[in-house]
Amino acid sequence: MESVLPDVLRGRVAWIFGDDFDVDLIVGVENIKYYDPDKLRAVCMKAFDPEFVDRVQPGDVVVGGRNFGYGHPHYPPLVALRNLGISAVLAESFSPGFWRGETYNGMPLVAVPGIATAVRRFDAVEVDWRRAVVRLPDGTELTGNPPSERVVKVLESGGSLNLLLREHGRRRTPAEG
């Protein structure tokens, strides 16, 4: 099976969130029912940095503290970040509901102890998501727990729906996205 995700992701730290961060705040609670990419882009991170949308680059990552994704695991906040080119979320740990939902949507989530204090905004990082290793600008490597074999297959496929369709011999049509 050919992976839609490179083994090593290279980008910058676009933002660092603290502990127990509720991802709904990325787009604002009032916008969590929207899925329109233009609407989500217009509101993404406005409460934190009005210029975030203009500063983020494809391949960048976001970093969080402990229990990242706390709260109700709504999908529009990460839809907005994916549409901006965010390639992964690195955090000390993840809220279980958030981890499950976003992993199965194909977003690499890498739990790496010490990541929130080891990086600064706009640091360049390399993320070997299969090994759960993050290389920092000074050459330091931080290591977390690698994903299970099943999670690797999900991420390689670009999400659980794509994997299930591959496993059961059906391809998505262009109309299905």
C-alpha atoms as a PDB file:
ATOM      1  CA  MET A   1       0.000   0.000   0.000  1.00  0.00           C
ATOM      2  CA  GLU A   2       1.396   3.377  -0.990  1.00  0.00           C
ATOM      3  CA  SER A   3       1.355   5.950   1.806  1.00  0.00           C
ATOM      4  CA  VAL A   4      -0.216   9.361   1.319  1.00  0.00           C
ATOM      5  CA  LEU A   5       1.915  10.575   4.234  1.00  0.00           C
ATOM      6  CA  PRO A   6       5.705  10.943   4.102  1.00  0.00           C
ATOM      7  CA  ASP A   7       7.645   9.054   6.791  1.00  0.00           C
ATOM      8  CA  VAL A   8       9.292  12.272   7.990  1.00  0.00           C
ATOM      9  CA  LEU A   9       7.362  15.533   8.190  1.00  0.00           C
ATOM     10  CA  ARG A  10       9.358  18.757   8.015  1.00  0.00           C
ATOM     11  CA  GLY A  11       7.968  22.102   9.042  1.00  0.00           C
ATOM     12  CA  ARG A  12       7.915  24.780  11.675  1.00  0.00           C
ATOM     13  CA  VAL A  13       6.120  25.109  14.962  1.00  0.00           C
ATOM     14  CA  ALA A  14       3.190  27.320  13.953  1.00  0.00           C
ATOM     15  CA  TRP A  15       1.756  27.587  17.477  1.00  0.00           C
ATOM     16  CA  ILE A  16       2.206  26.229  21.002  1.00  0.00           C
ATOM     17  CA  PHE A  17      -0.910  25.605  23.098  1.00  0.00           C
ATOM     18  CA  GLY A  18      -0.948  24.967  26.839  1.00  0.00           C
ATOM     19  CA  ASP A  19      -2.371  22.126  28.918  1.00  0.00           C
ATOM     20  CA  ASP A  20      -6.030  21.066  28.682  1.00  0.00           C
ATOM     21  CA  PHE A  21      -6.540  23.012  25.472  1.00  0.00           C
ATOM     22  CA  ASP A  22     -10.049  22.842  24.006  1.00  0.00           C
ATOM     23  CA  VAL A  23      -9.593  22.723  20.230  1.00  0.00           C
ATOM     24  CA  ASP A  24     -12.942  24.450  19.673  1.00  0.00           C
ATOM     25  CA  LEU A  25     -11.137  27.677  20.554  1.00  0.00           C
ATOM     26  CA  ILE A  26      -9.077  27.386  17.347  1.00  0.00           C
ATOM     27  CA  VAL A  27     -12.103  28.532  15.335  1.00  0.00           C
ATOM     28  CA  GLY A  28     -14.234  29.859  18.187  1.00  0.00           C
ATOM     29  CA  VAL A  29     -17.056  27.922  19.807  1.00  0.00           C
ATOM     30  CA  GLU A  30     -19.581  29.863  17.739  1.00  0.00           C
ATOM     31  CA  ASN A  31     -18.082  28.373  14.548  1.00  0.00           C
ATOM     32  CA  ILE A  32     -17.905  24.670  15.420  1.00  0.00           C
ATOM     33  CA  LYS A  33     -20.885  23.774  13.224  1.00  0.00           C
ATOM     34  CA  TYR A  34     -19.281  25.093  10.046  1.00  0.00           C
ATOM     35  CA  TYR A  35     -17.380  22.925   7.574  1.00  0.00           C
ATOM     36  CA  ASP A  36     -16.972  25.495   4.801  1.00  0.00           C
ATOM     37  CA  PRO A  37     -13.187  25.840   4.339  1.00  0.00           C
ATOM     38  CA  ASP A  38     -13.420  29.552   3.504  1.00  0.00           C
ATOM     39  CA  LYS A  39     -15.454  30.290   6.640  1.00  0.00           C
ATOM     40  CA  LEU A  40     -13.086  28.237   8.822  1.00  0.00           C
ATOM     41  CA  ARG A  41     -10.036  29.913   7.283  1.00  0.00           C
ATOM     42  CA  ALA A  42     -11.532  33.333   8.040  1.00  0.00           C
ATOM     43  CA  VAL A  43     -11.924  32.544  11.755  1.00  0.00           C
ATOM     44  CA  CYS A  44      -8.970  30.201  12.357  1.00  0.00           C
ATOM     45  CA  MET A  45      -6.842  31.346  15.322  1.00  0.00           C
ATOM     46  CA  LYS A  46      -8.239  34.912  15.217  1.00  0.00           C
ATOM     47  CA  ALA A  47      -8.516  34.984  19.018  1.00  0.00           C
ATOM     48  CA  PHE A  48      -4.814  34.094  19.383  1.00  0.00           C
ATOM     49  CA  ASP A  49      -3.059  35.692  16.418  1.00  0.00           C
ATOM     50  CA  PRO A  50      -5.010  37.623  13.754  1.00  0.00           C
ATOM     51  CA  GLU A  51      -2.115  37.031  11.317  1.00  0.00           C
ATOM     52  CA  PHE A  52      -1.858  33.263  11.944  1.00  0.00           C
ATOM     53  CA  VAL A  53      -3.509  32.330   8.636  1.00  0.00           C
ATOM     54  CA  ASP A  54      -0.960  34.428   6.755  1.00  0.00           C
ATOM     55  CA  ARG A  55       2.021  33.117   8.743  1.00  0.00           C
ATOM     56  CA  VAL A  56       1.366  29.374   8.646  1.00  0.00           C
ATOM     57  CA  GLN A  57       3.109  27.403   5.914  1.00  0.00           C
ATOM     58  CA  PRO A  58       2.295  23.984   4.463  1.00  0.00           C
ATOM     59  CA  GLY A  59       4.031  21.339   6.552  1.00  0.00           C
ATOM     60  CA  ASP A  60       3.963  23.329   9.789  1.00  0.00           C
ATOM     61  CA  VAL A  61       2.898  21.617  13.020  1.00  0.00           C
ATOM     62  CA  VAL A  62       1.116  22.747  16.145  1.00  0.00           C
ATOM     63  CA  VAL A  63       2.275  21.790  19.626  1.00  0.00           C
ATOM     64  CA  GLY A  64       0.257  21.275  22.774  1.00  0.00           C
ATOM     65  CA  GLY A  65       0.737  20.504  26.419  1.00  0.00           C
ATOM     66  CA  ARG A  66      -0.956  17.758  28.411  1.00  0.00           C
ATOM     67  CA  ASN A  67      -4.458  16.579  27.470  1.00  0.00           C
ATOM     68  CA  PHE A  68      -4.529  18.429  24.146  1.00  0.00           C
ATOM     69  CA  GLY A  69      -8.012  18.357  22.635  1.00  0.00           C
ATOM     70  CA  TYR A  70      -9.806  18.495  25.975  1.00  0.00           C
ATOM     71  CA  GLY A  71     -13.552  19.026  25.702  1.00  0.00           C
ATOM     72  CA  HIS A  72     -15.904  17.884  22.999  1.00  0.00           C
ATOM     73  CA  PRO A  73     -13.985  16.513  20.003  1.00  0.00           C
ATOM     74  CA  HIS A  74     -15.477  18.628  17.216  1.00  0.00           C
ATOM     75  CA  TYR A  75     -13.872  18.302  13.798  1.00  0.00           C
ATOM     76  CA  PRO A  76     -14.012  21.844  12.288  1.00  0.00           C
ATOM     77  CA  PRO A  77     -10.973  23.163  14.227  1.00  0.00           C
ATOM     78  CA  LEU A  78      -8.669  20.533  12.754  1.00  0.00           C
ATOM     79  CA  VAL A  79     -10.394  20.815   9.380  1.00  0.00           C
ATOM     80  CA  ALA A  80      -9.320  24.476   9.473  1.00  0.00           C
ATOM     81  CA  LEU A  81      -5.731  23.621  10.435  1.00  0.00           C
ATOM     82  CA  ARG A  82      -5.467  20.869   7.804  1.00  0.00           C
ATOM     83  CA  ASN A  83      -6.787  23.268   5.154  1.00  0.00           C
ATOM     84  CA  LEU A  84      -3.994  25.685   6.114  1.00  0.00           C
ATOM     85  CA  GLY A  85      -1.376  22.959   5.662  1.00  0.00           C
ATOM     86  CA  ILE A  86      -0.751  21.864   9.258  1.00  0.00           C
ATOM     87  CA  SER A  87       0.778  18.401   8.890  1.00  0.00           C
ATOM     88  CA  ALA A  88       0.732  17.076  12.482  1.00  0.00           C
ATOM     89  CA  VAL A  89      -0.067  17.831  16.100  1.00  0.00           C
ATOM     90  CA  LEU A  90       2.652  17.188  18.682  1.00  0.00           C
ATOM     91  CA  ALA A  91       1.666  17.233  22.346  1.00  0.00           C
ATOM     92  CA  GLU A  92       2.625  16.005  25.780  1.00  0.00           C
ATOM     93  CA  SER A  93      -0.576  13.914  25.711  1.00  0.00           C
ATOM     94  CA  PHE A  94      -3.973  13.905  24.017  1.00  0.00           C
ATOM     95  CA  SER A  95      -7.542  13.742  25.204  1.00  0.00           C
ATOM     96  CA  PRO A  96      -8.757  10.241  24.232  1.00  0.00           C
ATOM     97  CA  GLY A  97     -11.799  11.400  22.233  1.00  0.00           C
ATOM     98  CA  PHE A  98      -9.755  13.938  20.296  1.00  0.00           C
ATOM     99  CA  TRP A  99      -6.971  11.425  19.635  1.00  0.00           C
ATOM    100  CA  ARG A 100      -9.386   8.803  18.338  1.00  0.00           C
ATOM    101  CA  GLY A 101     -11.315  11.183  16.090  1.00  0.00           C
ATOM    102  CA  GLU A 102      -8.358  12.978  14.557  1.00  0.00           C
ATOM    103  CA  THR A 103      -6.228   9.865  14.137  1.00  0.00           C
ATOM    104  CA  TYR A 104      -9.061   8.258  12.243  1.00  0.00           C
ATOM    105  CA  ASN A 105      -9.372  11.414  10.127  1.00  0.00           C
ATOM    106  CA  GLY A 106      -5.731  10.859   9.125  1.00  0.00           C
ATOM    107  CA  MET A 107      -3.998  13.559  11.190  1.00  0.00           C
ATOM    108  CA  PRO A 108      -0.702  12.384  12.701  1.00  0.00           C
ATOM    109  CA  LEU A 109      -0.879  12.981  16.454  1.00  0.00           C
ATOM    110  CA  VAL A 110       2.424  12.343  18.192  1.00  0.00           C
ATOM    111  CA  ALA A 111       2.600  12.273  21.991  1.00  0.00           C
ATOM    112  CA  VAL A 112       6.100  13.397  22.922  1.00  0.00           C
ATOM    113  CA  PRO A 113       6.998  14.105  26.558  1.00  0.00           C
ATOM    114  CA  GLY A 114       8.748  17.458  26.932  1.00  0.00           C
ATOM    115  CA  ILE A 115       7.723  18.867  23.536  1.00  0.00           C
ATOM    116  CA  ALA A 116       5.773  21.874  24.861  1.00  0.00           C
ATOM    117  CA  THR A 117       8.794  23.335  26.649  1.00  0.00           C
ATOM    118  CA  ALA A 118      11.446  22.145  24.188  1.00  0.00           C
ATOM    119  CA  VAL A 119      10.323  24.261  21.224  1.00  0.00           C
ATOM    120  CA  ARG A 120       9.563  27.870  20.426  1.00  0.00           C
ATOM    121  CA  ARG A 121       7.217  29.247  17.843  1.00  0.00           C
ATOM    122  CA  PHE A 122       8.645  29.015  14.308  1.00  0.00           C
ATOM    123  CA  ASP A 123      11.369  26.498  15.277  1.00  0.00           C
ATOM    124  CA  ALA A 124      12.025  24.067  12.453  1.00  0.00           C
ATOM    125  CA  VAL A 125      11.243  20.462  13.381  1.00  0.00           C
ATOM    126  CA  GLU A 126      11.413  17.051  11.763  1.00  0.00           C
ATOM    127  CA  VAL A 127       8.793  14.542  12.839  1.00  0.00           C
ATOM    128  CA  ASP A 128       9.279  10.834  12.220  1.00  0.00           C
ATOM    129  CA  TRP A 129       5.693   9.967  13.079  1.00  0.00           C
ATOM    130  CA  ARG A 130       6.213   6.191  12.676  1.00  0.00           C
ATOM    131  CA  ARG A 131       8.917   6.177  15.356  1.00  0.00           C
ATOM    132  CA  ALA A 132       7.371   9.068  17.374  1.00  0.00           C
ATOM    133  CA  VAL A 133      10.667  10.966  17.191  1.00  0.00           C
ATOM    134  CA  VAL A 134      10.909  14.748  16.889  1.00  0.00           C
ATOM    135  CA  ARG A 135      14.246  16.290  15.920  1.00  0.00           C
ATOM    136  CA  LEU A 136      14.755  19.847  17.138  1.00  0.00           C
ATOM    137  CA  PRO A 137      16.873  22.587  15.515  1.00  0.00           C
ATOM    138  CA  ASP A 138      19.863  21.872  17.789  1.00  0.00           C
ATOM    139  CA  GLY A 139      19.851  18.165  16.857  1.00  0.00           C
ATOM    140  CA  THR A 140      18.155  17.035  20.069  1.00  0.00           C
ATOM    141  CA  GLU A 141      15.677  14.215  19.586  1.00  0.00           C
ATOM    142  CA  LEU A 142      12.579  13.738  21.717  1.00  0.00           C
ATOM    143  CA  THR A 143      10.902  10.338  21.637  1.00  0.00           C
ATOM    144  CA  GLY A 144       7.349   9.317  22.404  1.00  0.00           C
ATOM    145  CA  ASN A 145       5.383   6.112  21.961  1.00  0.00           C
ATOM    146  CA  PRO A 146       5.210   4.925  18.344  1.00  0.00           C
ATOM    147  CA  PRO A 147       1.758   4.289  16.894  1.00  0.00           C
ATOM    148  CA  SER A 148       0.305   0.792  16.689  1.00  0.00           C
ATOM    149  CA  GLU A 149       0.405  -1.127  13.424  1.00  0.00           C
ATOM    150  CA  ARG A 150      -3.274  -0.321  12.825  1.00  0.00           C
ATOM    151  CA  VAL A 151      -2.785   3.408  13.412  1.00  0.00           C
ATOM    152  CA  VAL A 152       0.133   3.357  10.955  1.00  0.00           C
ATOM    153  CA  LYS A 153      -2.175   1.816   8.332  1.00  0.00           C
ATOM    154  CA  VAL A 154      -4.855   4.434   9.038  1.00  0.00           C
ATOM    155  CA  LEU A 155      -2.362   7.302   8.673  1.00  0.00           C
ATOM    156  CA  GLU A 156      -0.741   5.781   5.573  1.00  0.00           C
ATOM    157  CA  SER A 157      -4.196   5.645   3.975  1.00  0.00           C
ATOM    158  CA  GLY A 158      -5.138   9.218   4.834  1.00  0.00           C
ATOM    159  CA  GLY A 159      -7.813   8.196   7.333  1.00  0.00           C
ATOM    160  CA  SER A 160      -9.915   5.256   8.415  1.00  0.00           C
ATOM    161  CA  LEU A 161     -12.525   5.595   5.661  1.00  0.00           C
ATOM    162  CA  ASN A 162      -9.836   5.335   2.990  1.00  0.00           C
ATOM    163  CA  LEU A 163      -8.303   2.328   4.748  1.00  0.00           C
ATOM    164  CA  LEU A 164     -11.643   0.546   5.053  1.00  0.00           C
ATOM    165  CA  LEU A 165     -12.399   1.184   1.390  1.00  0.00           C
ATOM    166  CA  ARG A 166      -8.960  -0.216   0.435  1.00  0.00           C
ATOM    167  CA  GLU A 167      -9.360  -3.246   2.665  1.00  0.00           C
ATOM    168  CA  HIS A 168     -12.754  -4.034   1.213  1.00  0.00           C
ATOM    169  CA  GLY A 169     -11.792  -3.429  -2.425  1.00  0.00           C
ATOM    170  CA  ARG A 170     -13.770  -0.287  -3.122  1.00  0.00           C
ATOM    171  CA  ARG A 171     -12.255   2.942  -4.366  1.00  0.00           C
ATOM    172  CA  ARG A 172     -13.722   6.353  -3.648  1.00  0.00           C
ATOM    173  CA  THR A 173     -15.197   8.041  -6.687  1.00  0.00           C
ATOM    174  CA  PRO A 174     -14.250  11.659  -7.511  1.00  0.00           C
ATOM    175  CA  ALA A 175     -17.729  12.720  -6.356  1.00  0.00           C
ATOM    176  CA  GLU A 176     -17.017  11.195  -2.918  1.00  0.00           C
ATOM    177  CA  GLY A 177     -13.839  13.246  -2.492  1.00  0.00           C
END
